[in-house]
Amino acid sequence: MSWRKIPMKFSGTCIICNEKIEINEIGLWAKGLGVKHEKCAQINELQCSVCGGPAGCLHCEFQETCDIPNVSQLCICKKCSEEKDAFSSYQKSTNKKFPILNS
């Protein structure tokens, strides 16, 4: 999935900082994920292993102590973690992406 740099035709809300992105402002868009500010794209954030969206690093309870480049890249976002059978979804997604872990 790739982020495309576009001038906003409609106002939107950044999926990282939840602030408004105005019409004609440059934003980064990805189908199915939404839009984010260019400045927010510079923030190092993990992807959710289940849905592929942002894992929510900026709002994570471990933000103060997490060393993103050195932690597991197999994180899960709050929305997915609160779903019914979250662990099962996490296992299936992880096994699909990393079949070697399934051995």
PDB file of N, CA and C in Angstrom:
ATOM      1  N   MET A   1       0.850  -1.157   0.000  1.00  0.00           N
ATOM      2  CA  MET A   1       0.000   0.000   0.000  1.00  0.00           C
ATOM      3  C   MET A   1       0.904   1.231   0.000  1.00  0.00           C
ATOM      4  N   SER A   2       0.575   2.183  -0.858  1.00  0.00           N
ATOM      5  CA  SER A   2       1.425   3.371  -0.900  1.00  0.00           C
ATOM      6  C   SER A   2       0.601   4.628  -0.667  1.00  0.00           C
ATOM      7  N   TRP A   3       1.241   5.574  -0.054  1.00  0.00           N
ATOM      8  CA  TRP A   3       0.623   6.871   0.223  1.00  0.00           C
ATOM      9  C   TRP A   3       0.874   7.779  -0.964  1.00  0.00           C
ATOM     10  N   ARG A   4      -0.180   8.464  -1.430  1.00  0.00           N
ATOM     11  CA  ARG A   4      -0.080   9.385  -2.561  1.00  0.00           C
ATOM     12  C   ARG A   4      -0.217  10.814  -2.065  1.00  0.00           C
ATOM     13  N   LYS A   5       0.671  11.662  -2.528  1.00  0.00           N
ATOM     14  CA  LYS A   5       0.643  13.084  -2.180  1.00  0.00           C
ATOM     15  C   LYS A   5      -0.374  13.770  -3.095  1.00  0.00           C
ATOM     16  N   ILE A   6      -1.398  14.382  -2.491  1.00  0.00           N
ATOM     17  CA  ILE A   6      -2.453  15.017  -3.285  1.00  0.00           C
ATOM     18  C   ILE A   6      -2.884  16.345  -2.672  1.00  0.00           C
ATOM     19  N   PRO A   7      -3.326  17.296  -3.512  1.00  0.00           N
ATOM     20  CA  PRO A   7      -3.981  18.494  -2.963  1.00  0.00           C
ATOM     21  C   PRO A   7      -5.410  18.084  -2.577  1.00  0.00           C
ATOM     22  N   MET A   8      -5.833  18.422  -1.406  1.00  0.00           N
ATOM     23  CA  MET A   8      -7.132  17.996  -0.902  1.00  0.00           C
ATOM     24  C   MET A   8      -8.269  18.675  -1.664  1.00  0.00           C
ATOM     25  N   LYS A   9      -9.170  17.894  -2.219  1.00  0.00           N
ATOM     26  CA  LYS A   9     -10.357  18.427  -2.892  1.00  0.00           C
ATOM     27  C   LYS A   9     -11.474  18.665  -1.885  1.00  0.00           C
ATOM     28  N   PHE A  10     -11.424  17.940  -0.782  1.00  0.00           N
ATOM     29  CA  PHE A  10     -12.395  18.078   0.307  1.00  0.00           C
ATOM     30  C   PHE A  10     -11.592  18.146   1.605  1.00  0.00           C
ATOM     31  N   SER A  11     -12.150  18.786   2.611  1.00  0.00           N
ATOM     32  CA  SER A  11     -11.450  18.790   3.893  1.00  0.00           C
ATOM     33  C   SER A  11     -11.541  17.384   4.491  1.00  0.00           C
ATOM     34  N   GLY A  12     -10.576  17.065   5.309  1.00  0.00           N
ATOM     35  CA  GLY A  12     -10.538  15.746   5.928  1.00  0.00           C
ATOM     36  C   GLY A  12      -9.904  15.813   7.297  1.00  0.00           C
ATOM     37  N   THR A  13      -9.820  14.691   7.958  1.00  0.00           N
ATOM     38  CA  THR A  13      -9.208  14.601   9.274  1.00  0.00           C
ATOM     39  C   THR A  13      -8.001  13.689   9.209  1.00  0.00           C
ATOM     40  N   CYS A  14      -6.885  14.158   9.709  1.00  0.00           N
ATOM     41  CA  CYS A  14      -5.637  13.390   9.718  1.00  0.00           C
ATOM     42  C   CYS A  14      -5.787  12.172  10.629  1.00  0.00           C
ATOM     43  N   ILE A  15      -5.419  11.003  10.105  1.00  0.00           N
ATOM     44  CA  ILE A  15      -5.542   9.773  10.886  1.00  0.00           C
ATOM     45  C   ILE A  15      -4.472   9.661  11.976  1.00  0.00           C
ATOM     46  N   ILE A  16      -3.472  10.532  11.923  1.00  0.00           N
ATOM     47  CA  ILE A  16      -2.409  10.501  12.933  1.00  0.00           C
ATOM     48  C   ILE A  16      -2.716  11.457  14.087  1.00  0.00           C
ATOM     49  N   CYS A  17      -2.970  12.731  13.768  1.00  0.00           N
ATOM     50  CA  CYS A  17      -3.141  13.748  14.817  1.00  0.00           C
ATOM     51  C   CYS A  17      -4.594  14.150  15.049  1.00  0.00           C
ATOM     52  N   ASN A  18      -5.506  13.658  14.215  1.00  0.00           N
ATOM     53  CA  ASN A  18      -6.939  13.971  14.296  1.00  0.00           C
ATOM     54  C   ASN A  18      -7.270  15.445  14.084  1.00  0.00           C
ATOM     55  N   GLU A  19      -6.368  16.203  13.484  1.00  0.00           N
ATOM     56  CA  GLU A  19      -6.639  17.603  13.166  1.00  0.00           C
ATOM     57  C   GLU A  19      -7.100  17.701  11.719  1.00  0.00           C
ATOM     58  N   LYS A  20      -7.789  18.804  11.416  1.00  0.00           N
ATOM     59  CA  LYS A  20      -8.375  18.997  10.093  1.00  0.00           C
ATOM     60  C   LYS A  20      -7.298  19.254   9.036  1.00  0.00           C
ATOM     61  N   ILE A  21      -7.516  18.714   7.851  1.00  0.00           N
ATOM     62  CA  ILE A  21      -6.698  19.010   6.677  1.00  0.00           C
ATOM     63  C   ILE A  21      -7.617  19.797   5.749  1.00  0.00           C
ATOM     64  N   GLU A  22      -7.232  21.014   5.434  1.00  0.00           N
ATOM     65  CA  GLU A  22      -8.090  21.930   4.680  1.00  0.00           C
ATOM     66  C   GLU A  22      -8.067  21.642   3.178  1.00  0.00           C
ATOM     67  N   ILE A  23      -9.100  22.132   2.487  1.00  0.00           N
ATOM     68  CA  ILE A  23      -9.173  22.054   1.029  1.00  0.00           C
ATOM     69  C   ILE A  23      -7.943  22.753   0.440  1.00  0.00           C
ATOM     70  N   ASN A  24      -7.359  22.176  -0.584  1.00  0.00           N
ATOM     71  CA  ASN A  24      -6.152  22.637  -1.286  1.00  0.00           C
ATOM     72  C   ASN A  24      -4.858  22.432  -0.498  1.00  0.00           C
ATOM     73  N   GLU A  25      -4.930  22.020   0.744  1.00  0.00           N
ATOM     74  CA  GLU A  25      -3.723  21.681   1.495  1.00  0.00           C
ATOM     75  C   GLU A  25      -3.206  20.349   0.957  1.00  0.00           C
ATOM     76  N   ILE A  26      -1.900  20.170   0.942  1.00  0.00           N
ATOM     77  CA  ILE A  26      -1.319  18.908   0.486  1.00  0.00           C
ATOM     78  C   ILE A  26      -1.454  17.876   1.605  1.00  0.00           C
ATOM     79  N   GLY A  27      -1.980  16.724   1.235  1.00  0.00           N
ATOM     80  CA  GLY A  27      -2.126  15.634   2.189  1.00  0.00           C
ATOM     81  C   GLY A  27      -1.624  14.349   1.572  1.00  0.00           C
ATOM     82  N   LEU A  28      -1.414  13.357   2.388  1.00  0.00           N
ATOM     83  CA  LEU A  28      -1.029  12.031   1.917  1.00  0.00           C
ATOM     84  C   LEU A  28      -2.245  11.132   2.070  1.00  0.00           C
ATOM     85  N   TRP A  29      -2.624  10.443   0.989  1.00  0.00           N
ATOM     86  CA  TRP A  29      -3.836   9.628   0.967  1.00  0.00           C
ATOM     87  C   TRP A  29      -3.497   8.191   0.591  1.00  0.00           C
ATOM     88  N   ALA A  30      -4.152   7.259   1.246  1.00  0.00           N
ATOM     89  CA  ALA A  30      -4.042   5.841   0.890  1.00  0.00           C
ATOM     90  C   ALA A  30      -5.440   5.237   0.920  1.00  0.00           C
ATOM     91  N   LYS A  31      -5.790   4.562  -0.139  1.00  0.00           N
ATOM     92  CA  LYS A  31      -7.115   3.963  -0.264  1.00  0.00           C
ATOM     93  C   LYS A  31      -7.402   3.048   0.921  1.00  0.00           C
ATOM     94  N   GLY A  32      -8.538   3.259   1.538  1.00  0.00           N
ATOM     95  CA  GLY A  32      -8.954   2.435   2.658  1.00  0.00           C
ATOM     96  C   GLY A  32      -8.383   2.836   3.996  1.00  0.00           C
ATOM     97  N   LEU A  33      -7.376   3.714   3.996  1.00  0.00           N
ATOM     98  CA  LEU A  33      -6.780   4.150   5.253  1.00  0.00           C
ATOM     99  C   LEU A  33      -7.143   5.587   5.611  1.00  0.00           C
ATOM    100  N   GLY A  34      -7.216   6.455   4.605  1.00  0.00           N
ATOM    101  CA  GLY A  34      -7.555   7.847   4.865  1.00  0.00           C
ATOM    102  C   GLY A  34      -6.448   8.785   4.458  1.00  0.00           C
ATOM    103  N   VAL A  35      -6.404   9.928   5.131  1.00  0.00           N
ATOM    104  CA  VAL A  35      -5.418  10.965   4.813  1.00  0.00           C
ATOM    105  C   VAL A  35      -4.638  11.359   6.059  1.00  0.00           C
ATOM    106  N   LYS A  36      -3.458  11.926   5.806  1.00  0.00           N
ATOM    107  CA  LYS A  36      -2.653  12.457   6.909  1.00  0.00           C
ATOM    108  C   LYS A  36      -1.850  13.636   6.399  1.00  0.00           C
ATOM    109  N   HIS A  37      -1.463  14.515   7.320  1.00  0.00           N
ATOM    110  CA  HIS A  37      -0.610  15.650   6.982  1.00  0.00           C
ATOM    111  C   HIS A  37       0.761  15.146   6.544  1.00  0.00           C
ATOM    112  N   GLU A  38       1.437  15.940   5.726  1.00  0.00           N
ATOM    113  CA  GLU A  38       2.820  15.587   5.358  1.00  0.00           C
ATOM    114  C   GLU A  38       3.692  15.536   6.597  1.00  0.00           C
ATOM    115  N   LYS A  39       3.508  16.515   7.499  1.00  0.00           N
ATOM    116  CA  LYS A  39       4.342  16.552   8.711  1.00  0.00           C
ATOM    117  C   LYS A  39       4.105  15.330   9.592  1.00  0.00           C
ATOM    118  N   CYS A  40       2.883  14.826   9.601  1.00  0.00           N
ATOM    119  CA  CYS A  40       2.567  13.647  10.414  1.00  0.00           C
ATOM    120  C   CYS A  40       3.184  12.379   9.828  1.00  0.00           C
ATOM    121  N   ALA A  41       3.458  12.400   8.534  1.00  0.00           N
ATOM    122  CA  ALA A  41       4.076  11.234   7.886  1.00  0.00           C
ATOM    123  C   ALA A  41       5.509  11.053   8.368  1.00  0.00           C
ATOM    124  N   GLN A  42       6.102  12.101   8.872  1.00  0.00           N
ATOM    125  CA  GLN A  42       7.479  12.031   9.352  1.00  0.00           C
ATOM    126  C   GLN A  42       7.576  11.329  10.696  1.00  0.00           C
ATOM    127  N   ILE A  43       6.445  11.181  11.369  1.00  0.00           N
ATOM    128  CA  ILE A  43       6.432  10.532  12.672  1.00  0.00           C
ATOM    129  C   ILE A  43       6.545   9.028  12.465  1.00  0.00           C
ATOM    130  N   ASN A  44       7.471   8.419  13.171  1.00  0.00           N
ATOM    131  CA  ASN A  44       7.703   6.988  13.066  1.00  0.00           C
ATOM    132  C   ASN A  44       6.584   6.248  13.786  1.00  0.00           C
ATOM    133  N   GLU A  45       5.782   5.503  13.045  1.00  0.00           N
ATOM    134  CA  GLU A  45       4.664   4.781  13.644  1.00  0.00           C
ATOM    135  C   GLU A  45       4.562   3.393  13.036  1.00  0.00           C
ATOM    136  N   LEU A  46       4.250   2.445  13.877  1.00  0.00           N
ATOM    137  CA  LEU A  46       4.099   1.070  13.435  1.00  0.00           C
ATOM    138  C   LEU A  46       2.749   0.867  12.765  1.00  0.00           C
ATOM    139  N   GLN A  47       2.671  -0.151  11.923  1.00  0.00           N
ATOM    140  CA  GLN A  47       1.408  -0.546  11.299  1.00  0.00           C
ATOM    141  C   GLN A  47       0.773  -1.633  12.145  1.00  0.00           C
ATOM    142  N   CYS A  48      -0.548  -1.623  12.188  1.00  0.00           N
ATOM    143  CA  CYS A  48      -1.290  -2.687  12.860  1.00  0.00           C
ATOM    144  C   CYS A  48      -1.118  -3.972  12.062  1.00  0.00           C
ATOM    145  N   SER A  49      -0.783  -5.047  12.730  1.00  0.00           N
ATOM    146  CA  SER A  49      -0.590  -6.337  12.058  1.00  0.00           C
ATOM    147  C   SER A  49      -1.888  -6.894  11.500  1.00  0.00           C
ATOM    148  N   VAL A  50      -3.019  -6.480  12.043  1.00  0.00           N
ATOM    149  CA  VAL A  50      -4.299  -7.038  11.620  1.00  0.00           C
ATOM    150  C   VAL A  50      -4.895  -6.252  10.455  1.00  0.00           C
ATOM    151  N   CYS A  51      -5.099  -4.923  10.645  1.00  0.00           N
ATOM    152  CA  CYS A  51      -5.796  -4.143   9.610  1.00  0.00           C
ATOM    153  C   CYS A  51      -4.850  -3.376   8.682  1.00  0.00           C
ATOM    154  N   GLY A  52      -3.591  -3.238   9.058  1.00  0.00           N
ATOM    155  CA  GLY A  52      -2.627  -2.522   8.226  1.00  0.00           C
ATOM    156  C   GLY A  52      -2.618  -1.029   8.422  1.00  0.00           C
ATOM    157  N   GLY A  53      -3.532  -0.517   9.219  1.00  0.00           N
ATOM    158  CA  GLY A  53      -3.586   0.918   9.508  1.00  0.00           C
ATOM    159  C   GLY A  53      -2.554   1.302  10.561  1.00  0.00           C
ATOM    160  N   PRO A  54      -2.533   2.569  10.965  1.00  0.00           N
ATOM    161  CA  PRO A  54      -1.607   2.996  12.007  1.00  0.00           C
ATOM    162  C   PRO A  54      -1.896   2.262  13.319  1.00  0.00           C
ATOM    163  N   ALA A  55      -0.850   1.866  14.007  1.00  0.00           N
ATOM    164  CA  ALA A  55      -1.023   1.136  15.261  1.00  0.00           C
ATOM    165  C   ALA A  55      -1.416   2.059  16.413  1.00  0.00           C
ATOM    166  N   GLY A  56      -1.268   3.359  16.230  1.00  0.00           N
ATOM    167  CA  GLY A  56      -1.661   4.299  17.282  1.00  0.00           C
ATOM    168  C   GLY A  56      -0.529   4.644  18.225  1.00  0.00           C
ATOM    169  N   CYS A  57       0.681   4.630  17.727  1.00  0.00           N
ATOM    170  CA  CYS A  57       1.859   4.879  18.563  1.00  0.00           C
ATOM    171  C   CYS A  57       1.776   6.201  19.340  1.00  0.00           C
ATOM    172  N   LEU A  58       1.185   7.222  18.736  1.00  0.00           N
ATOM    173  CA  LEU A  58       1.114   8.525  19.403  1.00  0.00           C
ATOM    174  C   LEU A  58       0.219   8.506  20.631  1.00  0.00           C
ATOM    175  N   HIS A  59      -0.677   7.516  20.712  1.00  0.00           N
ATOM    176  CA  HIS A  59      -1.613   7.435  21.830  1.00  0.00           C
ATOM    177  C   HIS A  59      -1.398   6.176  22.670  1.00  0.00           C
ATOM    178  N   CYS A  60      -0.326   5.476  22.417  1.00  0.00           N
ATOM    179  CA  CYS A  60      -0.048   4.213  23.099  1.00  0.00           C
ATOM    180  C   CYS A  60       0.348   4.454  24.549  1.00  0.00           C
ATOM    181  N   GLU A  61      -0.094   3.558  25.428  1.00  0.00           N
ATOM    182  CA  GLU A  61       0.253   3.675  26.840  1.00  0.00           C
ATOM    183  C   GLU A  61       1.751   3.469  27.088  1.00  0.00           C
ATOM    184  N   PHE A  62       2.453   2.883  26.139  1.00  0.00           N
ATOM    185  CA  PHE A  62       3.881   2.633  26.287  1.00  0.00           C
ATOM    186  C   PHE A  62       4.739   3.635  25.511  1.00  0.00           C
ATOM    187  N   GLN A  63       4.134   4.713  25.020  1.00  0.00           N
ATOM    188  CA  GLN A  63       4.831   5.689  24.175  1.00  0.00           C
ATOM    189  C   GLN A  63       6.113   6.222  24.814  1.00  0.00           C
ATOM    190  N   GLU A  64       6.078   6.481  26.095  1.00  0.00           N
ATOM    191  CA  GLU A  64       7.236   7.060  26.780  1.00  0.00           C
ATOM    192  C   GLU A  64       8.446   6.122  26.792  1.00  0.00           C
ATOM    193  N   THR A  65       8.199   4.827  26.850  1.00  0.00           N
ATOM    194  CA  THR A  65       9.304   3.874  26.984  1.00  0.00           C
ATOM    195  C   THR A  65       9.574   3.050  25.729  1.00  0.00           C
ATOM    196  N   CYS A  66       8.706   3.170  24.727  1.00  0.00           N
ATOM    197  CA  CYS A  66       8.854   2.354  23.521  1.00  0.00           C
ATOM    198  C   CYS A  66       9.960   2.893  22.625  1.00  0.00           C
ATOM    199  N   ASP A  67      10.811   2.010  22.179  1.00  0.00           N
ATOM    200  CA  ASP A  67      11.869   2.357  21.234  1.00  0.00           C
ATOM    201  C   ASP A  67      11.475   1.726  19.901  1.00  0.00           C
ATOM    202  N   ILE A  68      10.667   2.449  19.121  1.00  0.00           N
ATOM    203  CA  ILE A  68      10.020   1.899  17.927  1.00  0.00           C
ATOM    204  C   ILE A  68      10.966   1.133  17.000  1.00  0.00           C
ATOM    205  N   PRO A  69      12.154   1.651  16.690  1.00  0.00           N
ATOM    206  CA  PRO A  69      13.008   0.880  15.766  1.00  0.00           C
ATOM    207  C   PRO A  69      13.458  -0.468  16.327  1.00  0.00           C
ATOM    208  N   ASN A  70      13.406  -0.626  17.649  1.00  0.00           N
ATOM    209  CA  ASN A  70      13.920  -1.852  18.257  1.00  0.00           C
ATOM    210  C   ASN A  70      12.857  -2.768  18.841  1.00  0.00           C
ATOM    211  N   VAL A  71      11.571  -2.426  18.689  1.00  0.00           N
ATOM    212  CA  VAL A  71      10.515  -3.297  19.214  1.00  0.00           C
ATOM    213  C   VAL A  71       9.964  -4.172  18.098  1.00  0.00           C
ATOM    214  N   SER A  72       9.163  -5.138  18.470  1.00  0.00           N
ATOM    215  CA  SER A  72       8.517  -5.996  17.484  1.00  0.00           C
ATOM    216  C   SER A  72       7.669  -5.149  16.546  1.00  0.00           C
ATOM    217  N   GLN A  73       7.740  -5.444  15.276  1.00  0.00           N
ATOM    218  CA  GLN A  73       6.927  -4.745  14.290  1.00  0.00           C
ATOM    219  C   GLN A  73       5.533  -5.361  14.196  1.00  0.00           C
ATOM    220  N   LEU A  74       5.232  -6.297  15.063  1.00  0.00           N
ATOM    221  CA  LEU A  74       3.953  -7.002  15.038  1.00  0.00           C
ATOM    222  C   LEU A  74       2.990  -6.420  16.064  1.00  0.00           C
ATOM    223  N   CYS A  75       2.738  -5.132  15.954  1.00  0.00           N
ATOM    224  CA  CYS A  75       1.870  -4.426  16.887  1.00  0.00           C
ATOM    225  C   CYS A  75       0.422  -4.507  16.405  1.00  0.00           C
ATOM    226  N   ILE A  76      -0.517  -4.152  17.272  1.00  0.00           N
ATOM    227  CA  ILE A  76      -1.939  -4.165  16.940  1.00  0.00           C
ATOM    228  C   ILE A  76      -2.559  -2.854  17.425  1.00  0.00           C
ATOM    229  N   CYS A  77      -3.473  -2.303  16.626  1.00  0.00           N
ATOM    230  CA  CYS A  77      -4.108  -1.035  17.004  1.00  0.00           C
ATOM    231  C   CYS A  77      -5.199  -1.280  18.050  1.00  0.00           C
ATOM    232  N   LYS A  78      -5.601  -0.221  18.712  1.00  0.00           N
ATOM    233  CA  LYS A  78      -6.594  -0.318  19.774  1.00  0.00           C
ATOM    234  C   LYS A  78      -7.922  -0.859  19.245  1.00  0.00           C
ATOM    235  N   LYS A  79      -8.345  -0.391  18.071  1.00  0.00           N
ATOM    236  CA  LYS A  79      -9.619  -0.836  17.493  1.00  0.00           C
ATOM    237  C   LYS A  79      -9.617  -2.351  17.279  1.00  0.00           C
ATOM    238  N   CYS A  80      -8.550  -2.858  16.671  1.00  0.00           N
ATOM    239  CA  CYS A  80      -8.465  -4.304  16.420  1.00  0.00           C
ATOM    240  C   CYS A  80      -8.326  -5.093  17.717  1.00  0.00           C
ATOM    241  N   SER A  81      -7.626  -4.531  18.690  1.00  0.00           N
ATOM    242  CA  SER A  81      -7.427  -5.252  19.947  1.00  0.00           C
ATOM    243  C   SER A  81      -8.708  -5.364  20.759  1.00  0.00           C
ATOM    244  N   GLU A  82      -9.683  -4.487  20.468  1.00  0.00           N
ATOM    245  CA  GLU A  82     -10.950  -4.519  21.205  1.00  0.00           C
ATOM    246  C   GLU A  82     -12.026  -5.336  20.487  1.00  0.00           C
ATOM    247  N   GLU A  83     -11.703  -5.855  19.301  1.00  0.00           N
ATOM    248  CA  GLU A  83     -12.646  -6.681  18.555  1.00  0.00           C
ATOM    249  C   GLU A  83     -12.803  -8.039  19.235  1.00  0.00           C
ATOM    250  N   LYS A  84     -13.953  -8.676  18.964  1.00  0.00           N
ATOM    251  CA  LYS A  84     -14.163 -10.041  19.450  1.00  0.00           C
ATOM    252  C   LYS A  84     -13.148 -10.946  18.748  1.00  0.00           C
ATOM    253  N   ASP A  85     -12.568 -11.871  19.450  1.00  0.00           N
ATOM    254  CA  ASP A  85     -11.558 -12.794  18.921  1.00  0.00           C
ATOM    255  C   ASP A  85     -10.326 -12.059  18.382  1.00  0.00           C
ATOM    256  N   ALA A  86      -9.916 -11.013  19.071  1.00  0.00           N
ATOM    257  CA  ALA A  86      -8.770 -10.205  18.635  1.00  0.00           C
ATOM    258  C   ALA A  86      -7.502 -11.049  18.531  1.00  0.00           C
ATOM    259  N   PHE A  87      -7.279 -11.916  19.508  1.00  0.00           N
ATOM    260  CA  PHE A  87      -6.059 -12.718  19.484  1.00  0.00           C
ATOM    261  C   PHE A  87      -6.042 -13.657  18.292  1.00  0.00           C
ATOM    262  N   SER A  88      -7.183 -14.250  17.987  1.00  0.00           N
ATOM    263  CA  SER A  88      -7.285 -15.146  16.837  1.00  0.00           C
ATOM    264  C   SER A  88      -7.004 -14.389  15.532  1.00  0.00           C
ATOM    265  N   SER A  89      -7.563 -13.187  15.394  1.00  0.00           N
ATOM    266  CA  SER A  89      -7.317 -12.356  14.204  1.00  0.00           C
ATOM    267  C   SER A  89      -5.840 -12.003  14.095  1.00  0.00           C
ATOM    268  N   TYR A  90      -5.236 -11.679  15.236  1.00  0.00           N
ATOM    269  CA  TYR A  90      -3.816 -11.332  15.280  1.00  0.00           C
ATOM    270  C   TYR A  90      -2.973 -12.527  14.839  1.00  0.00           C
ATOM    271  N   GLN A  91      -3.291 -13.709  15.367  1.00  0.00           N
ATOM    272  CA  GLN A  91      -2.542 -14.917  15.003  1.00  0.00           C
ATOM    273  C   GLN A  91      -2.653 -15.212  13.510  1.00  0.00           C
ATOM    274  N   LYS A  92      -3.865 -15.167  12.972  1.00  0.00           N
ATOM    275  CA  LYS A  92      -4.077 -15.450  11.557  1.00  0.00           C
ATOM    276  C   LYS A  92      -3.307 -14.472  10.679  1.00  0.00           C
ATOM    277  N   SER A  93      -3.386 -13.199  11.016  1.00  0.00           N
ATOM    278  CA  SER A  93      -2.714 -12.171  10.232  1.00  0.00           C
ATOM    279  C   SER A  93      -1.197 -12.349  10.284  1.00  0.00           C
ATOM    280  N   THR A  94      -0.681 -12.597  11.473  1.00  0.00           N
ATOM    281  CA  THR A  94       0.760 -12.771  11.654  1.00  0.00           C
ATOM    282  C   THR A  94       1.255 -14.020  10.935  1.00  0.00           C
ATOM    283  N   ASN A  95       0.503 -15.103  11.038  1.00  0.00           N
ATOM    284  CA  ASN A  95       0.895 -16.339  10.358  1.00  0.00           C
ATOM    285  C   ASN A  95       0.874 -16.178   8.846  1.00  0.00           C
ATOM    286  N   LYS A  96      -0.074 -15.407   8.344  1.00  0.00           N
ATOM    287  CA  LYS A  96      -0.164 -15.172   6.901  1.00  0.00           C
ATOM    288  C   LYS A  96       1.023 -14.338   6.412  1.00  0.00           C
ATOM    289  N   LYS A  97       1.390 -13.312   7.178  1.00  0.00           N
ATOM    290  CA  LYS A  97       2.484 -12.430   6.781  1.00  0.00           C
ATOM    291  C   LYS A  97       3.846 -13.060   6.993  1.00  0.00           C
ATOM    292  N   PHE A  98       3.944 -13.903   8.037  1.00  0.00           N
ATOM    293  CA  PHE A  98       5.225 -14.502   8.403  1.00  0.00           C
ATOM    294  C   PHE A  98       5.058 -16.010   8.607  1.00  0.00           C
ATOM    295  N   PRO A  99       4.917 -16.761   7.513  1.00  0.00           N
ATOM    296  CA  PRO A  99       4.658 -18.203   7.647  1.00  0.00           C
ATOM    297  C   PRO A  99       5.756 -18.952   8.382  1.00  0.00           C
ATOM    298  N   ILE A 100       6.957 -18.412   8.394  1.00  0.00           N
ATOM    299  CA  ILE A 100       8.054 -19.089   9.091  1.00  0.00           C
ATOM    300  C   ILE A 100       7.796 -19.155  10.598  1.00  0.00           C
ATOM    301  N   LEU A 101       7.006 -18.218  11.121  1.00  0.00           N
ATOM    302  CA  LEU A 101       6.686 -18.227  12.535  1.00  0.00           C
ATOM    303  C   LEU A 101       5.699 -19.348  12.880  1.00  0.00           C
ATOM    304  N   ASN A 102       5.050 -19.858  11.869  1.00  0.00           N
ATOM    305  CA  ASN A 102       4.045 -20.901  12.044  1.00  0.00           C
ATOM    306  C   ASN A 102       4.665 -22.282  12.184  1.00  0.00           C
ATOM    307  N   SER A 103       5.962 -22.423  11.918  1.00  0.00           N
ATOM    308  CA  SER A 103       6.584 -23.744  11.959  1.00  0.00           C
ATOM    309  C   SER A 103       6.870 -24.200  13.354  1.00  0.00           C
TER     310      SER A 103
END
